[in-house]
Amino acid sequence: MAQTESAADHIMDIVTHSNNCTIEQVIFECPELTWDQVFIEVNRLRREGRIRLTLKQPGYYIVSRIAQPDAIQRMIERKVA
């Protein structure tokens, strides 16, 4: 992770480049952060609507990026036009 890159930015980069990764993969890709720090950021990003956590089986979560609202709106406008 670059000095100027925040933990949230780093996590978003990981999720964007490897969509549908496990939370363990995110933790592995952030060795400079503790598990708690990753979890706090993932939870915050989830509450902000930037990522989705999907329970695949007990204790096994998939992290995926959610398209931003403006991107969704553009897709809707293209379908209507």
PDB file of N, CA and C in Angstrom:
ATOM      1  N   MET A   1       0.843  -1.173   0.000  1.00  0.00           N
ATOM      2  CA  MET A   1       0.000   0.000   0.000  1.00  0.00           C
ATOM      3  C   MET A   1       0.888   1.236   0.000  1.00  0.00           C
ATOM      4  N   ALA A   2       0.616   2.182  -0.879  1.00  0.00           N
ATOM      5  CA  ALA A   2       1.384   3.418  -0.967  1.00  0.00           C
ATOM      6  C   ALA A   2       1.170   4.251   0.288  1.00  0.00           C
ATOM      7  N   GLN A   3       2.142   5.102   0.586  1.00  0.00           N
ATOM      8  CA  GLN A   3       2.065   5.943   1.773  1.00  0.00           C
ATOM      9  C   GLN A   3       0.802   6.795   1.791  1.00  0.00           C
ATOM     10  N   THR A   4       0.410   7.337   0.644  1.00  0.00           N
ATOM     11  CA  THR A   4      -0.721   8.262   0.602  1.00  0.00           C
ATOM     12  C   THR A   4      -2.062   7.558   0.411  1.00  0.00           C
ATOM     13  N   GLU A   5      -2.055   6.277   0.141  1.00  0.00           N
ATOM     14  CA  GLU A   5      -3.290   5.547  -0.090  1.00  0.00           C
ATOM     15  C   GLU A   5      -3.912   5.128   1.244  1.00  0.00           C
ATOM     16  N   SER A   6      -5.200   5.409   1.409  1.00  0.00           N
ATOM     17  CA  SER A   6      -5.866   5.025   2.651  1.00  0.00           C
ATOM     18  C   SER A   6      -6.167   3.532   2.644  1.00  0.00           C
ATOM     19  N   ALA A   7      -6.484   3.014   3.816  1.00  0.00           N
ATOM     20  CA  ALA A   7      -6.849   1.601   3.929  1.00  0.00           C
ATOM     21  C   ALA A   7      -8.079   1.309   3.081  1.00  0.00           C
ATOM     22  N   ALA A   8      -9.061   2.219   3.102  1.00  0.00           N
ATOM     23  CA  ALA A   8     -10.280   2.021   2.304  1.00  0.00           C
ATOM     24  C   ALA A   8      -9.965   1.987   0.819  1.00  0.00           C
ATOM     25  N   ASP A   9      -9.101   2.888   0.358  1.00  0.00           N
ATOM     26  CA  ASP A   9      -8.714   2.902  -1.056  1.00  0.00           C
ATOM     27  C   ASP A   9      -8.014   1.604  -1.435  1.00  0.00           C
ATOM     28  N   HIS A  10      -7.152   1.142  -0.573  1.00  0.00           N
ATOM     29  CA  HIS A  10      -6.417  -0.102  -0.842  1.00  0.00           C
ATOM     30  C   HIS A  10      -7.381  -1.285  -0.927  1.00  0.00           C
ATOM     31  N   ILE A  11      -8.318  -1.354  -0.008  1.00  0.00           N
ATOM     32  CA  ILE A  11      -9.308  -2.430  -0.019  1.00  0.00           C
ATOM     33  C   ILE A  11     -10.164  -2.349  -1.273  1.00  0.00           C
ATOM     34  N   MET A  12     -10.587  -1.140  -1.660  1.00  0.00           N
ATOM     35  CA  MET A  12     -11.388  -0.987  -2.875  1.00  0.00           C
ATOM     36  C   MET A  12     -10.601  -1.425  -4.109  1.00  0.00           C
ATOM     37  N   ASP A  13      -9.303  -1.133  -4.153  1.00  0.00           N
ATOM     38  CA  ASP A  13      -8.465  -1.585  -5.273  1.00  0.00           C
ATOM     39  C   ASP A  13      -8.438  -3.110  -5.340  1.00  0.00           C
ATOM     40  N   ILE A  14      -8.283  -3.745  -4.193  1.00  0.00           N
ATOM     41  CA  ILE A  14      -8.240  -5.211  -4.147  1.00  0.00           C
ATOM     42  C   ILE A  14      -9.559  -5.788  -4.646  1.00  0.00           C
ATOM     43  N   VAL A  15     -10.652  -5.272  -4.128  1.00  0.00           N
ATOM     44  CA  VAL A  15     -11.973  -5.791  -4.489  1.00  0.00           C
ATOM     45  C   VAL A  15     -12.276  -5.520  -5.960  1.00  0.00           C
ATOM     46  N   THR A  16     -11.867  -4.365  -6.464  1.00  0.00           N
ATOM     47  CA  THR A  16     -12.110  -4.025  -7.867  1.00  0.00           C
ATOM     48  C   THR A  16     -11.322  -4.935  -8.803  1.00  0.00           C
ATOM     49  N   HIS A  17     -10.076  -5.218  -8.468  1.00  0.00           N
ATOM     50  CA  HIS A  17      -9.232  -6.025  -9.352  1.00  0.00           C
ATOM     51  C   HIS A  17      -9.477  -7.521  -9.231  1.00  0.00           C
ATOM     52  N   SER A  18     -10.046  -7.950  -8.123  1.00  0.00           N
ATOM     53  CA  SER A  18     -10.358  -9.376  -7.984  1.00  0.00           C
ATOM     54  C   SER A  18     -11.774  -9.490  -7.428  1.00  0.00           C
ATOM     55  N   ASN A  19     -12.742  -9.127  -8.248  1.00  0.00           N
ATOM     56  CA  ASN A  19     -14.124  -9.113  -7.809  1.00  0.00           C
ATOM     57  C   ASN A  19     -14.531 -10.479  -7.275  1.00  0.00           C
ATOM     58  N   ASN A  20     -15.379 -10.459  -6.277  1.00  0.00           N
ATOM     59  CA  ASN A  20     -15.828 -11.683  -5.612  1.00  0.00           C
ATOM     60  C   ASN A  20     -14.686 -12.406  -4.904  1.00  0.00           C
ATOM     61  N   CYS A  21     -13.874 -11.658  -4.192  1.00  0.00           N
ATOM     62  CA  CYS A  21     -12.815 -12.278  -3.398  1.00  0.00           C
ATOM     63  C   CYS A  21     -13.335 -12.538  -1.988  1.00  0.00           C
ATOM     64  N   THR A  22     -12.631 -13.372  -1.268  1.00  0.00           N
ATOM     65  CA  THR A  22     -13.030 -13.658   0.109  1.00  0.00           C
ATOM     66  C   THR A  22     -12.455 -12.583   1.019  1.00  0.00           C
ATOM     67  N   ILE A  23     -13.024 -12.473   2.192  1.00  0.00           N
ATOM     68  CA  ILE A  23     -12.499 -11.504   3.153  1.00  0.00           C
ATOM     69  C   ILE A  23     -11.077 -11.902   3.566  1.00  0.00           C
ATOM     70  N   GLU A  24     -10.788 -13.200   3.558  1.00  0.00           N
ATOM     71  CA  GLU A  24      -9.430 -13.654   3.872  1.00  0.00           C
ATOM     72  C   GLU A  24      -8.427 -13.180   2.827  1.00  0.00           C
ATOM     73  N   GLN A  25      -8.847 -13.155   1.555  1.00  0.00           N
ATOM     74  CA  GLN A  25      -7.965 -12.652   0.500  1.00  0.00           C
ATOM     75  C   GLN A  25      -7.674 -11.166   0.704  1.00  0.00           C
ATOM     76  N   VAL A  26      -8.682 -10.412   1.111  1.00  0.00           N
ATOM     77  CA  VAL A  26      -8.475  -8.991   1.379  1.00  0.00           C
ATOM     78  C   VAL A  26      -7.481  -8.825   2.525  1.00  0.00           C
ATOM     79  N   ILE A  27      -7.653  -9.594   3.578  1.00  0.00           N
ATOM     80  CA  ILE A  27      -6.736  -9.523   4.721  1.00  0.00           C
ATOM     81  C   ILE A  27      -5.316  -9.888   4.291  1.00  0.00           C
ATOM     82  N   PHE A  28      -5.175 -10.926   3.468  1.00  0.00           N
ATOM     83  CA  PHE A  28      -3.861 -11.358   2.981  1.00  0.00           C
ATOM     84  C   PHE A  28      -3.182 -10.262   2.161  1.00  0.00           C
ATOM     85  N   GLU A  29      -3.968  -9.515   1.384  1.00  0.00           N
ATOM     86  CA  GLU A  29      -3.417  -8.460   0.527  1.00  0.00           C
ATOM     87  C   GLU A  29      -3.104  -7.169   1.297  1.00  0.00           C
ATOM     88  N   CYS A  30      -3.431  -7.129   2.575  1.00  0.00           N
ATOM     89  CA  CYS A  30      -3.183  -5.944   3.406  1.00  0.00           C
ATOM     90  C   CYS A  30      -2.313  -6.305   4.611  1.00  0.00           C
ATOM     91  N   PRO A  31      -1.080  -6.767   4.373  1.00  0.00           N
ATOM     92  CA  PRO A  31      -0.259  -7.218   5.503  1.00  0.00           C
ATOM     93  C   PRO A  31       0.098  -6.100   6.480  1.00  0.00           C
ATOM     94  N   GLU A  32      -0.016  -4.852   6.024  1.00  0.00           N
ATOM     95  CA  GLU A  32       0.324  -3.721   6.900  1.00  0.00           C
ATOM     96  C   GLU A  32      -0.813  -3.373   7.856  1.00  0.00           C
ATOM     97  N   LEU A  33      -1.979  -4.004   7.664  1.00  0.00           N
ATOM     98  CA  LEU A  33      -3.132  -3.762   8.517  1.00  0.00           C
ATOM     99  C   LEU A  33      -3.442  -4.998   9.350  1.00  0.00           C
ATOM    100  N   THR A  34      -3.981  -4.775  10.540  1.00  0.00           N
ATOM    101  CA  THR A  34      -4.420  -5.910  11.349  1.00  0.00           C
ATOM    102  C   THR A  34      -5.768  -6.398  10.814  1.00  0.00           C
ATOM    103  N   TRP A  35      -6.166  -7.596  11.251  1.00  0.00           N
ATOM    104  CA  TRP A  35      -7.459  -8.141  10.842  1.00  0.00           C
ATOM    105  C   TRP A  35      -8.571  -7.190  11.259  1.00  0.00           C
ATOM    106  N   ASP A  36      -8.465  -6.632  12.473  1.00  0.00           N
ATOM    107  CA  ASP A  36      -9.480  -5.706  12.973  1.00  0.00           C
ATOM    108  C   ASP A  36      -9.587  -4.457  12.094  1.00  0.00           C
ATOM    109  N   GLN A  37      -8.454  -3.917  11.679  1.00  0.00           N
ATOM    110  CA  GLN A  37      -8.472  -2.726  10.828  1.00  0.00           C
ATOM    111  C   GLN A  37      -9.142  -3.011   9.496  1.00  0.00           C
ATOM    112  N   VAL A  38      -8.844  -4.166   8.914  1.00  0.00           N
ATOM    113  CA  VAL A  38      -9.480  -4.548   7.646  1.00  0.00           C
ATOM    114  C   VAL A  38     -10.978  -4.700   7.857  1.00  0.00           C
ATOM    115  N   PHE A  39     -11.366  -5.386   8.923  1.00  0.00           N
ATOM    116  CA  PHE A  39     -12.790  -5.604   9.175  1.00  0.00           C
ATOM    117  C   PHE A  39     -13.534  -4.286   9.370  1.00  0.00           C
ATOM    118  N   ILE A  40     -12.943  -3.357  10.107  1.00  0.00           N
ATOM    119  CA  ILE A  40     -13.574  -2.049  10.338  1.00  0.00           C
ATOM    120  C   ILE A  40     -13.775  -1.326   9.014  1.00  0.00           C
ATOM    121  N   GLU A  41     -12.761  -1.331   8.150  1.00  0.00           N
ATOM    122  CA  GLU A  41     -12.879  -0.654   6.855  1.00  0.00           C
ATOM    123  C   GLU A  41     -13.883  -1.348   5.950  1.00  0.00           C
ATOM    124  N   VAL A  42     -13.855  -2.685   5.924  1.00  0.00           N
ATOM    125  CA  VAL A  42     -14.816  -3.434   5.102  1.00  0.00           C
ATOM    126  C   VAL A  42     -16.232  -3.146   5.583  1.00  0.00           C
ATOM    127  N   ASN A  43     -16.436  -3.117   6.870  1.00  0.00           N
ATOM    128  CA  ASN A  43     -17.757  -2.835   7.417  1.00  0.00           C
ATOM    129  C   ASN A  43     -18.204  -1.414   7.059  1.00  0.00           C
ATOM    130  N   ARG A  44     -17.306  -0.450   7.153  1.00  0.00           N
ATOM    131  CA  ARG A  44     -17.634   0.933   6.796  1.00  0.00           C
ATOM    132  C   ARG A  44     -17.975   1.047   5.316  1.00  0.00           C
ATOM    133  N   LEU A  45     -17.177   0.419   4.463  1.00  0.00           N
ATOM    134  CA  LEU A  45     -17.442   0.439   3.017  1.00  0.00           C
ATOM    135  C   LEU A  45     -18.772  -0.229   2.690  1.00  0.00           C
ATOM    136  N   ARG A  46     -19.115  -1.273   3.433  1.00  0.00           N
ATOM    137  CA  ARG A  46     -20.402  -1.944   3.243  1.00  0.00           C
ATOM    138  C   ARG A  46     -21.542  -1.012   3.619  1.00  0.00           C
ATOM    139  N   ARG A  47     -21.417  -0.328   4.756  1.00  0.00           N
ATOM    140  CA  ARG A  47     -22.467   0.597   5.193  1.00  0.00           C
ATOM    141  C   ARG A  47     -22.612   1.783   4.249  1.00  0.00           C
ATOM    142  N   GLU A  48     -21.532   2.188   3.603  1.00  0.00           N
ATOM    143  CA  GLU A  48     -21.574   3.284   2.632  1.00  0.00           C
ATOM    144  C   GLU A  48     -22.143   2.832   1.291  1.00  0.00           C
ATOM    145  N   GLY A  49     -22.340   1.535   1.120  1.00  0.00           N
ATOM    146  CA  GLY A  49     -22.878   1.020  -0.130  1.00  0.00           C
ATOM    147  C   GLY A  49     -21.856   0.874  -1.235  1.00  0.00           C
ATOM    148  N   ARG A  50     -20.578   0.793  -0.885  1.00  0.00           N
ATOM    149  CA  ARG A  50     -19.529   0.667  -1.896  1.00  0.00           C
ATOM    150  C   ARG A  50     -19.154  -0.781  -2.175  1.00  0.00           C
ATOM    151  N   ILE A  51     -19.359  -1.654  -1.172  1.00  0.00           N
ATOM    152  CA  ILE A  51     -19.094  -3.078  -1.358  1.00  0.00           C
ATOM    153  C   ILE A  51     -20.253  -3.878  -0.770  1.00  0.00           C
ATOM    154  N   ARG A  52     -20.292  -5.142  -1.137  1.00  0.00           N
ATOM    155  CA  ARG A  52     -21.318  -6.063  -0.633  1.00  0.00           C
ATOM    156  C   ARG A  52     -20.604  -7.264  -0.017  1.00  0.00           C
ATOM    157  N   LEU A  53     -21.094  -7.697   1.127  1.00  0.00           N
ATOM    158  CA  LEU A  53     -20.623  -8.932   1.748  1.00  0.00           C
ATOM    159  C   LEU A  53     -21.712  -9.975   1.561  1.00  0.00           C
ATOM    160  N   THR A  54     -21.337 -11.122   1.030  1.00  0.00           N
ATOM    161  CA  THR A  54     -22.296 -12.193   0.796  1.00  0.00           C
ATOM    162  C   THR A  54     -21.830 -13.428   1.545  1.00  0.00           C
ATOM    163  N   LEU A  55     -22.700 -13.935   2.401  1.00  0.00           N
ATOM    164  CA  LEU A  55     -22.384 -15.150   3.147  1.00  0.00           C
ATOM    165  C   LEU A  55     -22.595 -16.350   2.237  1.00  0.00           C
ATOM    166  N   LYS A  56     -21.526 -17.087   1.955  1.00  0.00           N
ATOM    167  CA  LYS A  56     -21.620 -18.276   1.109  1.00  0.00           C
ATOM    168  C   LYS A  56     -21.856 -19.536   1.928  1.00  0.00           C
ATOM    169  N   GLN A  57     -21.274 -19.580   3.094  1.00  0.00           N
ATOM    170  CA  GLN A  57     -21.478 -20.661   4.051  1.00  0.00           C
ATOM    171  C   GLN A  57     -21.030 -20.109   5.392  1.00  0.00           C
ATOM    172  N   PRO A  58     -21.370 -20.759   6.484  1.00  0.00           N
ATOM    173  CA  PRO A  58     -20.995 -20.207   7.795  1.00  0.00           C
ATOM    174  C   PRO A  58     -19.506 -19.849   7.875  1.00  0.00           C
ATOM    175  N   GLY A  59     -19.239 -18.580   8.168  1.00  0.00           N
ATOM    176  CA  GLY A  59     -17.868 -18.109   8.307  1.00  0.00           C
ATOM    177  C   GLY A  59     -17.142 -17.827   7.008  1.00  0.00           C
ATOM    178  N   TYR A  60     -17.819 -17.888   5.864  1.00  0.00           N
ATOM    179  CA  TYR A  60     -17.174 -17.710   4.557  1.00  0.00           C
ATOM    180  C   TYR A  60     -17.899 -16.607   3.794  1.00  0.00           C
ATOM    181  N   TYR A  61     -17.272 -15.437   3.739  1.00  0.00           N
ATOM    182  CA  TYR A  61     -17.881 -14.276   3.096  1.00  0.00           C
ATOM    183  C   TYR A  61     -17.159 -13.912   1.800  1.00  0.00           C
ATOM    184  N   ILE A  62     -17.947 -13.507   0.811  1.00  0.00           N
ATOM    185  CA  ILE A  62     -17.426 -12.987  -0.451  1.00  0.00           C
ATOM    186  C   ILE A  62     -17.600 -11.473  -0.427  1.00  0.00           C
ATOM    187  N   VAL A  63     -16.561 -10.764  -0.842  1.00  0.00           N
ATOM    188  CA  VAL A  63     -16.587  -9.305  -0.903  1.00  0.00           C
ATOM    189  C   VAL A  63     -16.648  -8.912  -2.373  1.00  0.00           C
ATOM    190  N   SER A  64     -17.627  -8.099  -2.737  1.00  0.00           N
ATOM    191  CA  SER A  64     -17.730  -7.648  -4.124  1.00  0.00           C
ATOM    192  C   SER A  64     -18.043  -6.155  -4.161  1.00  0.00           C
ATOM    193  N   ARG A  65     -17.624  -5.537  -5.228  1.00  0.00           N
ATOM    194  CA  ARG A  65     -17.820  -4.102  -5.424  1.00  0.00           C
ATOM    195  C   ARG A  65     -19.228  -3.861  -5.938  1.00  0.00           C
ATOM    196  N   ILE A  66     -19.837  -2.790  -5.463  1.00  0.00           N
ATOM    197  CA  ILE A  66     -21.150  -2.380  -5.938  1.00  0.00           C
ATOM    198  C   ILE A  66     -20.944  -1.212  -6.894  1.00  0.00           C
ATOM    199  N   ALA A  67     -21.603  -1.275  -8.048  1.00  0.00           N
ATOM    200  CA  ALA A  67     -21.511  -0.168  -9.005  1.00  0.00           C
ATOM    201  C   ALA A  67     -22.006   1.104  -8.346  1.00  0.00           C
ATOM    202  N   GLN A  68     -21.340   2.185  -8.615  1.00  0.00           N
ATOM    203  CA  GLN A  68     -21.723   3.465  -8.038  1.00  0.00           C
ATOM    204  C   GLN A  68     -23.046   3.944  -8.628  1.00  0.00           C
ATOM    205  N   PRO A  69     -23.829   4.684  -7.868  1.00  0.00           N
ATOM    206  CA  PRO A  69     -25.151   5.122  -8.331  1.00  0.00           C
ATOM    207  C   PRO A  69     -25.136   5.845  -9.675  1.00  0.00           C
ATOM    208  N   ASP A  70     -24.136   6.678  -9.947  1.00  0.00           N
ATOM    209  CA  ASP A  70     -24.104   7.391 -11.228  1.00  0.00           C
ATOM    210  C   ASP A  70     -23.883   6.421 -12.386  1.00  0.00           C
ATOM    211  N   ALA A  71     -23.105   5.373 -12.152  1.00  0.00           N
ATOM    212  CA  ALA A  71     -22.892   4.364 -13.195  1.00  0.00           C
ATOM    213  C   ALA A  71     -24.184   3.596 -13.453  1.00  0.00           C
ATOM    214  N   ILE A  72     -24.920   3.304 -12.400  1.00  0.00           N
ATOM    215  CA  ILE A  72     -26.197   2.607 -12.551  1.00  0.00           C
ATOM    216  C   ILE A  72     -27.178   3.482 -13.320  1.00  0.00           C
ATOM    217  N   GLN A  73     -27.224   4.771 -12.975  1.00  0.00           N
ATOM    218  CA  GLN A  73     -28.126   5.683 -13.665  1.00  0.00           C
ATOM    219  C   GLN A  73     -27.800   5.758 -15.151  1.00  0.00           C
ATOM    220  N   ARG A  74     -26.523   5.800 -15.512  1.00  0.00           N
ATOM    221  CA  ARG A  74     -26.135   5.843 -16.930  1.00  0.00           C
ATOM    222  C   ARG A  74     -26.578   4.571 -17.644  1.00  0.00           C
ATOM    223  N   MET A  75     -26.469   3.418 -16.976  1.00  0.00           N
ATOM    224  CA  MET A  75     -26.903   2.165 -17.592  1.00  0.00           C
ATOM    225  C   MET A  75     -28.414   2.186 -17.834  1.00  0.00           C
ATOM    226  N   ILE A  76     -29.173   2.698 -16.890  1.00  0.00           N
ATOM    227  CA  ILE A  76     -30.623   2.789 -17.037  1.00  0.00           C
ATOM    228  C   ILE A  76     -30.976   3.712 -18.194  1.00  0.00           C
ATOM    229  N   GLU A  77     -30.304   4.866 -18.276  1.00  0.00           N
ATOM    230  CA  GLU A  77     -30.576   5.824 -19.339  1.00  0.00           C
ATOM    231  C   GLU A  77     -30.288   5.220 -20.719  1.00  0.00           C
ATOM    232  N   ARG A  78     -29.238   4.412 -20.821  1.00  0.00           N
ATOM    233  CA  ARG A  78     -28.909   3.775 -22.108  1.00  0.00           C
ATOM    234  C   ARG A  78     -29.994   2.790 -22.524  1.00  0.00           C
ATOM    235  N   LYS A  79     -30.530   2.053 -21.560  1.00  0.00           N
ATOM    236  CA  LYS A  79     -31.564   1.062 -21.878  1.00  0.00           C
ATOM    237  C   LYS A  79     -32.868   1.733 -22.299  1.00  0.00           C
ATOM    238  N   VAL A  80     -33.162   2.894 -21.701  1.00  0.00           N
ATOM    239  CA  VAL A  80     -34.401   3.602 -22.024  1.00  0.00           C
ATOM    240  C   VAL A  80     -34.311   4.272 -23.383  1.00  0.00           C
ATOM    241  N   ALA A  81     -33.155   4.782 -23.720  1.00  0.00           N
ATOM    242  CA  ALA A  81     -32.973   5.520 -24.987  1.00  0.00           C
ATOM    243  C   ALA A  81     -33.059   4.648 -26.211  1.00  0.00           C
TER     244      ALA A  81
END
